[in-house]
Amino acid sequence: MSGREQVSLEELKRRVGQDLGVSDWIEIDQGRIDAFADVGIDHQFIHVDPARAATETPFGGTIAHGFLTLAMLVPMGETALPELAERAMGINYGFEKLRFLAPVRAGRRVRGRFHLNEITERQPGQILIRYGVTVEIEGEEKPALAAEWLALSVMKES
């Protein structure tokens, strides 16, 4: 059991239209970028070659893959979002909207800001939750990404 706030489905429904929370900061260092490059088989120099990225890009060094920043939504949600008490399991269901707005330079920290857009019952025992999420870059005005993230909650049988 996590230390996150536990809320009932009814309480969560009352929060539609509200901000739910802001995550802890997560550092996106070169080691994390390199590991993601290996997993994603994307070794483009702007991600993995600091010397070349410093001289051949406008970024002054390497930047994180957009999909690495996106993947950080899961641990961000773990520290920012309340836990649905009646949920048996949660499933990433996808995105309605997603935009990568600014590069995350190696060594920067990011955090997620979550807003509860909508809750709908798809069928008995399945709740679709739509979060508006913005990933902020510490010390920068422009966010790394903005998205509408869909999560499917399978509820416990009563």
C-alpha atoms as a PDB file:
ATOM      1  CA  MET A   1       0.000   0.000   0.000  1.00  0.00           C
ATOM      2  CA  SER A   2       1.369   3.412  -0.930  1.00  0.00           C
ATOM      3  CA  GLY A   3       1.355   6.532   1.200  1.00  0.00           C
ATOM      4  CA  ARG A   4      -0.785   8.384  -1.352  1.00  0.00           C
ATOM      5  CA  GLU A   5      -4.093   9.963  -0.469  1.00  0.00           C
ATOM      6  CA  GLN A   6      -6.901   7.430  -0.890  1.00  0.00           C
ATOM      7  CA  VAL A   7     -10.201   8.725  -2.253  1.00  0.00           C
ATOM      8  CA  SER A   8     -13.476   7.110  -3.147  1.00  0.00           C
ATOM      9  CA  LEU A   9     -14.831   7.254  -6.672  1.00  0.00           C
ATOM     10  CA  GLU A  10     -17.550   9.617  -5.450  1.00  0.00           C
ATOM     11  CA  GLU A  11     -14.942  11.958  -3.931  1.00  0.00           C
ATOM     12  CA  LEU A  12     -12.894  11.873  -7.125  1.00  0.00           C
ATOM     13  CA  LYS A  13     -15.997  12.717  -9.175  1.00  0.00           C
ATOM     14  CA  ARG A  14     -16.475  15.816  -6.999  1.00  0.00           C
ATOM     15  CA  ARG A  15     -12.975  16.949  -8.041  1.00  0.00           C
ATOM     16  CA  VAL A  16     -13.692  17.009 -11.792  1.00  0.00           C
ATOM     17  CA  GLY A  17     -12.549  20.364 -13.127  1.00  0.00           C
ATOM     18  CA  GLN A  18      -9.975  20.802 -10.361  1.00  0.00           C
ATOM     19  CA  ASP A  19      -6.213  20.558 -10.107  1.00  0.00           C
ATOM     20  CA  LEU A  20      -5.261  17.305  -8.379  1.00  0.00           C
ATOM     21  CA  GLY A  21      -1.609  17.820  -7.614  1.00  0.00           C
ATOM     22  CA  VAL A  22       1.962  18.497  -8.593  1.00  0.00           C
ATOM     23  CA  SER A  23       4.564  15.734  -8.606  1.00  0.00           C
ATOM     24  CA  ASP A  24       7.991  15.647  -7.089  1.00  0.00           C
ATOM     25  CA  TRP A  25      10.845  16.820  -9.313  1.00  0.00           C
ATOM     26  CA  ILE A  26      12.628  14.140 -11.362  1.00  0.00           C
ATOM     27  CA  GLU A  27      16.123  14.738 -12.713  1.00  0.00           C
ATOM     28  CA  ILE A  28      16.640  13.856 -16.350  1.00  0.00           C
ATOM     29  CA  ASP A  29      20.383  13.215 -16.349  1.00  0.00           C
ATOM     30  CA  GLN A  30      22.530  11.848 -19.161  1.00  0.00           C
ATOM     31  CA  GLY A  31      22.486   8.342 -17.664  1.00  0.00           C
ATOM     32  CA  ARG A  32      18.689   8.226 -17.814  1.00  0.00           C
ATOM     33  CA  ILE A  33      18.731   9.571 -21.391  1.00  0.00           C
ATOM     34  CA  ASP A  34      21.333   6.987 -22.453  1.00  0.00           C
ATOM     35  CA  ALA A  35      19.344   4.154 -20.847  1.00  0.00           C
ATOM     36  CA  PHE A  36      16.197   5.284 -22.647  1.00  0.00           C
ATOM     37  CA  ALA A  37      18.136   5.473 -25.935  1.00  0.00           C
ATOM     38  CA  ASP A  38      19.141   1.837 -25.446  1.00  0.00           C
ATOM     39  CA  VAL A  39      15.601   0.701 -24.640  1.00  0.00           C
ATOM     40  CA  GLY A  40      13.991   2.753 -27.403  1.00  0.00           C
ATOM     41  CA  ILE A  41      16.762   2.017 -29.935  1.00  0.00           C
ATOM     42  CA  ASP A  42      17.066   5.742 -30.648  1.00  0.00           C
ATOM     43  CA  HIS A  43      20.695   6.816 -30.471  1.00  0.00           C
ATOM     44  CA  GLN A  44      20.395  10.065 -32.399  1.00  0.00           C
ATOM     45  CA  PHE A  45      23.358  12.267 -31.442  1.00  0.00           C
ATOM     46  CA  ILE A  46      21.175  15.038 -29.995  1.00  0.00           C
ATOM     47  CA  HIS A  47      20.377  12.601 -27.178  1.00  0.00           C
ATOM     48  CA  VAL A  48      23.563  10.603 -26.619  1.00  0.00           C
ATOM     49  CA  ASP A  49      26.588  12.626 -27.792  1.00  0.00           C
ATOM     50  CA  PRO A  50      27.106  15.613 -25.455  1.00  0.00           C
ATOM     51  CA  ALA A  51      30.135  16.987 -27.323  1.00  0.00           C
ATOM     52  CA  ARG A  52      28.513  16.868 -30.743  1.00  0.00           C
ATOM     53  CA  ALA A  53      25.141  18.110 -29.418  1.00  0.00           C
ATOM     54  CA  ALA A  54      26.940  21.082 -27.823  1.00  0.00           C
ATOM     55  CA  THR A  55      28.384  22.229 -31.138  1.00  0.00           C
ATOM     56  CA  GLU A  56      25.834  21.067 -33.710  1.00  0.00           C
ATOM     57  CA  THR A  57      22.491  21.899 -32.078  1.00  0.00           C
ATOM     58  CA  PRO A  58      20.893  25.046 -30.691  1.00  0.00           C
ATOM     59  CA  PHE A  59      20.415  23.274 -27.339  1.00  0.00           C
ATOM     60  CA  GLY A  60      23.986  23.588 -26.052  1.00  0.00           C
ATOM     61  CA  GLY A  61      24.126  19.893 -25.217  1.00  0.00           C
ATOM     62  CA  THR A  62      22.015  16.764 -25.253  1.00  0.00           C
ATOM     63  CA  ILE A  63      18.260  16.707 -24.771  1.00  0.00           C
ATOM     64  CA  ALA A  64      15.901  14.015 -23.546  1.00  0.00           C
ATOM     65  CA  HIS A  65      13.778  12.062 -25.975  1.00  0.00           C
ATOM     66  CA  GLY A  66      10.231  13.410 -25.973  1.00  0.00           C
ATOM     67  CA  PHE A  67       9.012   9.900 -25.234  1.00  0.00           C
ATOM     68  CA  LEU A  68      11.308   9.716 -22.182  1.00  0.00           C
ATOM     69  CA  THR A  69       9.639  12.833 -20.830  1.00  0.00           C
ATOM     70  CA  LEU A  70       6.280  11.238 -21.589  1.00  0.00           C
ATOM     71  CA  ALA A  71       7.283   8.024 -19.797  1.00  0.00           C
ATOM     72  CA  MET A  72       7.954  10.063 -16.658  1.00  0.00           C
ATOM     73  CA  LEU A  73       4.197  10.655 -16.311  1.00  0.00           C
ATOM     74  CA  VAL A  74       3.856   7.324 -14.502  1.00  0.00           C
ATOM     75  CA  PRO A  75       6.244   8.098 -11.627  1.00  0.00           C
ATOM     76  CA  MET A  76       4.974  11.690 -11.582  1.00  0.00           C
ATOM     77  CA  GLY A  77       1.421  10.460 -11.172  1.00  0.00           C
ATOM     78  CA  GLU A  78       2.546   8.217  -8.310  1.00  0.00           C
ATOM     79  CA  THR A  79       3.524  11.289  -6.291  1.00  0.00           C
ATOM     80  CA  ALA A  80       0.815  13.725  -7.443  1.00  0.00           C
ATOM     81  CA  LEU A  81      -2.433  11.844  -7.927  1.00  0.00           C
ATOM     82  CA  PRO A  82      -4.754  10.454  -5.276  1.00  0.00           C
ATOM     83  CA  GLU A  83      -5.294   6.711  -5.264  1.00  0.00           C
ATOM     84  CA  LEU A  84      -8.783   5.484  -6.102  1.00  0.00           C
ATOM     85  CA  ALA A  85      -9.739   3.281  -3.145  1.00  0.00           C
ATOM     86  CA  GLU A  86     -12.082   0.975  -5.089  1.00  0.00           C
ATOM     87  CA  ARG A  87      -9.642   0.390  -7.956  1.00  0.00           C
ATOM     88  CA  ALA A  88      -8.394  -3.145  -8.526  1.00  0.00           C
ATOM     89  CA  MET A  89      -6.020  -2.124 -11.309  1.00  0.00           C
ATOM     90  CA  GLY A  90      -5.156   0.816 -13.521  1.00  0.00           C
ATOM     91  CA  ILE A  91      -4.268   0.696 -17.194  1.00  0.00           C
ATOM     92  CA  ASN A  92      -2.695   3.385 -19.357  1.00  0.00           C
ATOM     93  CA  TYR A  93      -5.342   3.915 -22.014  1.00  0.00           C
ATOM     94  CA  GLY A  94      -3.569   6.457 -24.201  1.00  0.00           C
ATOM     95  CA  PHE A  95      -3.736  10.126 -25.067  1.00  0.00           C
ATOM     96  CA  GLU A  96      -6.289  12.298 -26.807  1.00  0.00           C
ATOM     97  CA  LYS A  97      -3.886  15.202 -27.185  1.00  0.00           C
ATOM     98  CA  LEU A  98      -0.123  15.341 -26.820  1.00  0.00           C
ATOM     99  CA  ARG A  99       2.339  18.060 -27.714  1.00  0.00           C
ATOM    100  CA  PHE A 100       6.065  18.279 -27.038  1.00  0.00           C
ATOM    101  CA  LEU A 101       6.530  22.001 -26.437  1.00  0.00           C
ATOM    102  CA  ALA A 102      10.123  22.467 -25.275  1.00  0.00           C
ATOM    103  CA  PRO A 103      13.253  20.294 -25.103  1.00  0.00           C
ATOM    104  CA  VAL A 104      14.433  18.955 -21.748  1.00  0.00           C
ATOM    105  CA  ARG A 105      18.178  19.483 -21.569  1.00  0.00           C
ATOM    106  CA  ALA A 106      20.286  16.831 -19.857  1.00  0.00           C
ATOM    107  CA  GLY A 107      20.626  17.562 -16.158  1.00  0.00           C
ATOM    108  CA  ARG A 108      17.328  19.451 -15.848  1.00  0.00           C
ATOM    109  CA  ARG A 109      14.501  18.522 -13.520  1.00  0.00           C
ATOM    110  CA  VAL A 110      10.878  18.057 -14.552  1.00  0.00           C
ATOM    111  CA  ARG A 111       7.608  17.652 -12.701  1.00  0.00           C
ATOM    112  CA  GLY A 112       4.012  16.977 -13.622  1.00  0.00           C
ATOM    113  CA  ARG A 113       1.005  19.169 -12.889  1.00  0.00           C
ATOM    114  CA  PHE A 114      -2.276  17.223 -13.045  1.00  0.00           C
ATOM    115  CA  HIS A 115      -5.852  18.426 -13.620  1.00  0.00           C
ATOM    116  CA  LEU A 116      -8.922  16.169 -13.535  1.00  0.00           C
ATOM    117  CA  ASN A 117     -10.800  16.814 -16.777  1.00  0.00           C
ATOM    118  CA  GLU A 118     -13.459  14.104 -16.772  1.00  0.00           C
ATOM    119  CA  ILE A 119     -14.580  10.775 -15.342  1.00  0.00           C
ATOM    120  CA  THR A 120     -16.867   8.469 -17.310  1.00  0.00           C
ATOM    121  CA  GLU A 121     -18.083   4.927 -16.774  1.00  0.00           C
ATOM    122  CA  ARG A 122     -17.332   2.975 -19.952  1.00  0.00           C
ATOM    123  CA  GLN A 123     -19.132  -0.097 -18.709  1.00  0.00           C
ATOM    124  CA  PRO A 124     -19.894  -1.482 -15.264  1.00  0.00           C
ATOM    125  CA  GLY A 125     -16.650  -1.729 -13.328  1.00  0.00           C
ATOM    126  CA  GLN A 126     -14.574   0.315 -15.823  1.00  0.00           C
ATOM    127  CA  ILE A 127     -13.961   3.991 -15.194  1.00  0.00           C
ATOM    128  CA  LEU A 128     -12.185   6.166 -17.768  1.00  0.00           C
ATOM    129  CA  ILE A 129     -10.346   9.121 -16.236  1.00  0.00           C
ATOM    130  CA  ARG A 130      -9.094  12.026 -18.358  1.00  0.00           C
ATOM    131  CA  TYR A 131      -6.246  14.033 -16.888  1.00  0.00           C
ATOM    132  CA  GLY A 132      -4.873  17.254 -18.256  1.00  0.00           C
ATOM    133  CA  VAL A 133      -1.164  17.140 -17.557  1.00  0.00           C
ATOM    134  CA  THR A 134       1.641  19.597 -18.079  1.00  0.00           C
ATOM    135  CA  VAL A 135       5.276  18.642 -17.569  1.00  0.00           C
ATOM    136  CA  GLU A 136       7.185  21.642 -16.300  1.00  0.00           C
ATOM    137  CA  ILE A 137      10.931  22.158 -16.631  1.00  0.00           C
ATOM    138  CA  GLU A 138      12.526  23.681 -13.560  1.00  0.00           C
ATOM    139  CA  GLY A 139      13.537  27.285 -14.173  1.00  0.00           C
ATOM    140  CA  GLU A 140      11.890  27.514 -17.603  1.00  0.00           C
ATOM    141  CA  GLU A 141       8.693  29.266 -18.662  1.00  0.00           C
ATOM    142  CA  LYS A 142       7.677  26.877 -21.422  1.00  0.00           C
ATOM    143  CA  PRO A 143       6.605  23.345 -20.418  1.00  0.00           C
ATOM    144  CA  ALA A 144       8.171  20.234 -21.904  1.00  0.00           C
ATOM    145  CA  LEU A 145       4.813  18.788 -22.851  1.00  0.00           C
ATOM    146  CA  ALA A 146       1.079  19.144 -22.501  1.00  0.00           C
ATOM    147  CA  ALA A 147      -1.283  16.213 -22.857  1.00  0.00           C
ATOM    148  CA  GLU A 148      -4.687  14.779 -22.135  1.00  0.00           C
ATOM    149  CA  TRP A 149      -3.841  11.420 -20.568  1.00  0.00           C
ATOM    150  CA  LEU A 150      -6.429   8.650 -20.380  1.00  0.00           C
ATOM    151  CA  ALA A 151      -6.372   6.090 -17.586  1.00  0.00           C
ATOM    152  CA  LEU A 152      -8.733   3.152 -17.319  1.00  0.00           C
ATOM    153  CA  SER A 153      -9.539   2.021 -13.795  1.00  0.00           C
ATOM    154  CA  VAL A 154     -10.894  -1.475 -13.333  1.00  0.00           C
ATOM    155  CA  MET A 155     -12.866  -1.450 -10.122  1.00  0.00           C
ATOM    156  CA  LYS A 156     -12.935  -4.082  -7.398  1.00  0.00           C
ATOM    157  CA  GLU A 157     -15.979  -6.294  -7.376  1.00  0.00           C
ATOM    158  CA  SER A 158     -18.336  -5.435  -4.549  1.00  0.00           C
END
